[in-house]
Amino acid sequence: MPNSHRKALPPDLATVWLRVFLEVARHESFTVAARTLGWTQSAVSRQIAALEGALGGSPLFDRLPRGCG
């Protein structure tokens, strides 16, 4: 049964979040993911923060001084 209190994401936003998430996971780095996407590191960080918020607020990555895991 669908969760009725959760709004559906616009398809384009869900696609952007998935793409950003996959690049961060692949490179284990927000900075390298940003370079790959042609974005700034802060833009990638904001998109991941927005995705985390949409999914309930739990962090998706451990932020470490030299990358993430």
Protein backbone atom coordinates (compact mmCIF):
# COMPACT_ATOMS: atom_id res chain seq x y z
CA MET A 1 0.00 0.00 0.00
CA PRO A 2 1.51 3.38 -0.98
CA ASN A 3 2.55 5.82 1.70
CA SER A 4 -0.15 8.50 1.38
CA HIS A 5 1.65 11.25 3.33
CA ARG A 6 4.72 11.24 1.07
CA LYS A 7 4.53 13.41 -2.05
CA ALA A 8 5.68 11.99 -5.35
CA LEU A 9 8.84 13.59 -6.71
CA PRO A 10 8.82 15.17 -10.13
CA PRO A 11 10.47 12.68 -12.50
CA ASP A 12 13.20 15.11 -13.51
CA LEU A 13 14.18 15.84 -9.88
CA ALA A 14 14.29 12.14 -9.02
CA THR A 15 16.53 11.56 -12.04
CA VAL A 16 18.90 14.37 -11.01
CA TRP A 17 19.11 13.06 -7.45
CA LEU A 18 19.79 9.52 -8.67
CA ARG A 19 22.49 10.71 -11.04
CA VAL A 20 24.20 12.80 -8.34
CA PHE A 21 23.92 9.98 -5.79
CA LEU A 22 25.45 7.45 -8.19
CA GLU A 23 28.38 9.72 -9.05
CA VAL A 24 29.16 10.39 -5.37
CA ALA A 25 28.92 6.67 -4.61
CA ARG A 26 31.09 5.75 -7.61
CA HIS A 27 33.87 8.20 -6.78
CA GLU A 28 33.43 8.23 -2.98
CA SER A 29 33.96 11.98 -3.22
CA PHE A 30 31.67 14.96 -3.58
CA THR A 31 34.46 16.91 -5.27
CA VAL A 32 35.26 14.28 -7.90
CA ALA A 33 31.55 13.68 -8.51
CA ALA A 34 31.10 17.43 -9.03
CA ARG A 35 33.92 17.51 -11.59
CA THR A 36 32.40 14.54 -13.42
CA LEU A 37 28.99 16.23 -13.49
CA GLY A 38 30.39 19.63 -14.39
CA TRP A 39 28.97 21.11 -11.19
CA THR A 40 30.44 22.78 -8.12
CA GLN A 41 31.09 20.73 -5.01
CA SER A 42 28.57 22.82 -3.09
CA ALA A 43 25.85 22.11 -5.69
CA VAL A 44 26.45 18.36 -5.32
CA SER A 45 26.40 18.69 -1.54
CA ARG A 46 23.09 20.61 -1.65
CA GLN A 47 21.49 17.99 -3.90
CA ILE A 48 22.59 15.15 -1.62
CA ALA A 49 21.29 17.09 1.41
CA ALA A 50 17.96 17.60 -0.36
CA LEU A 51 17.77 13.89 -1.20
CA GLU A 52 18.58 12.96 2.40
CA GLY A 53 15.81 15.30 3.57
CA ALA A 54 13.32 13.79 1.14
CA LEU A 55 14.20 10.32 2.41
CA GLY A 56 13.70 11.17 6.06
CA GLY A 57 16.85 13.02 7.06
CA SER A 58 19.29 10.17 7.55
CA PRO A 59 22.72 10.67 5.98
CA LEU A 60 23.37 8.60 2.86
CA PHE A 61 27.14 8.95 3.12
CA ASP A 62 29.66 9.22 5.94
CA ARG A 63 31.36 12.55 5.34
CA LEU A 64 35.08 12.08 5.93
CA PRO A 65 37.98 14.57 5.62
CA ARG A 66 39.20 12.84 2.44
CA GLY A 67 36.05 11.68 0.72
CA CYS A 68 32.97 9.84 1.84
CA GLY A 69 31.95 6.29 2.35
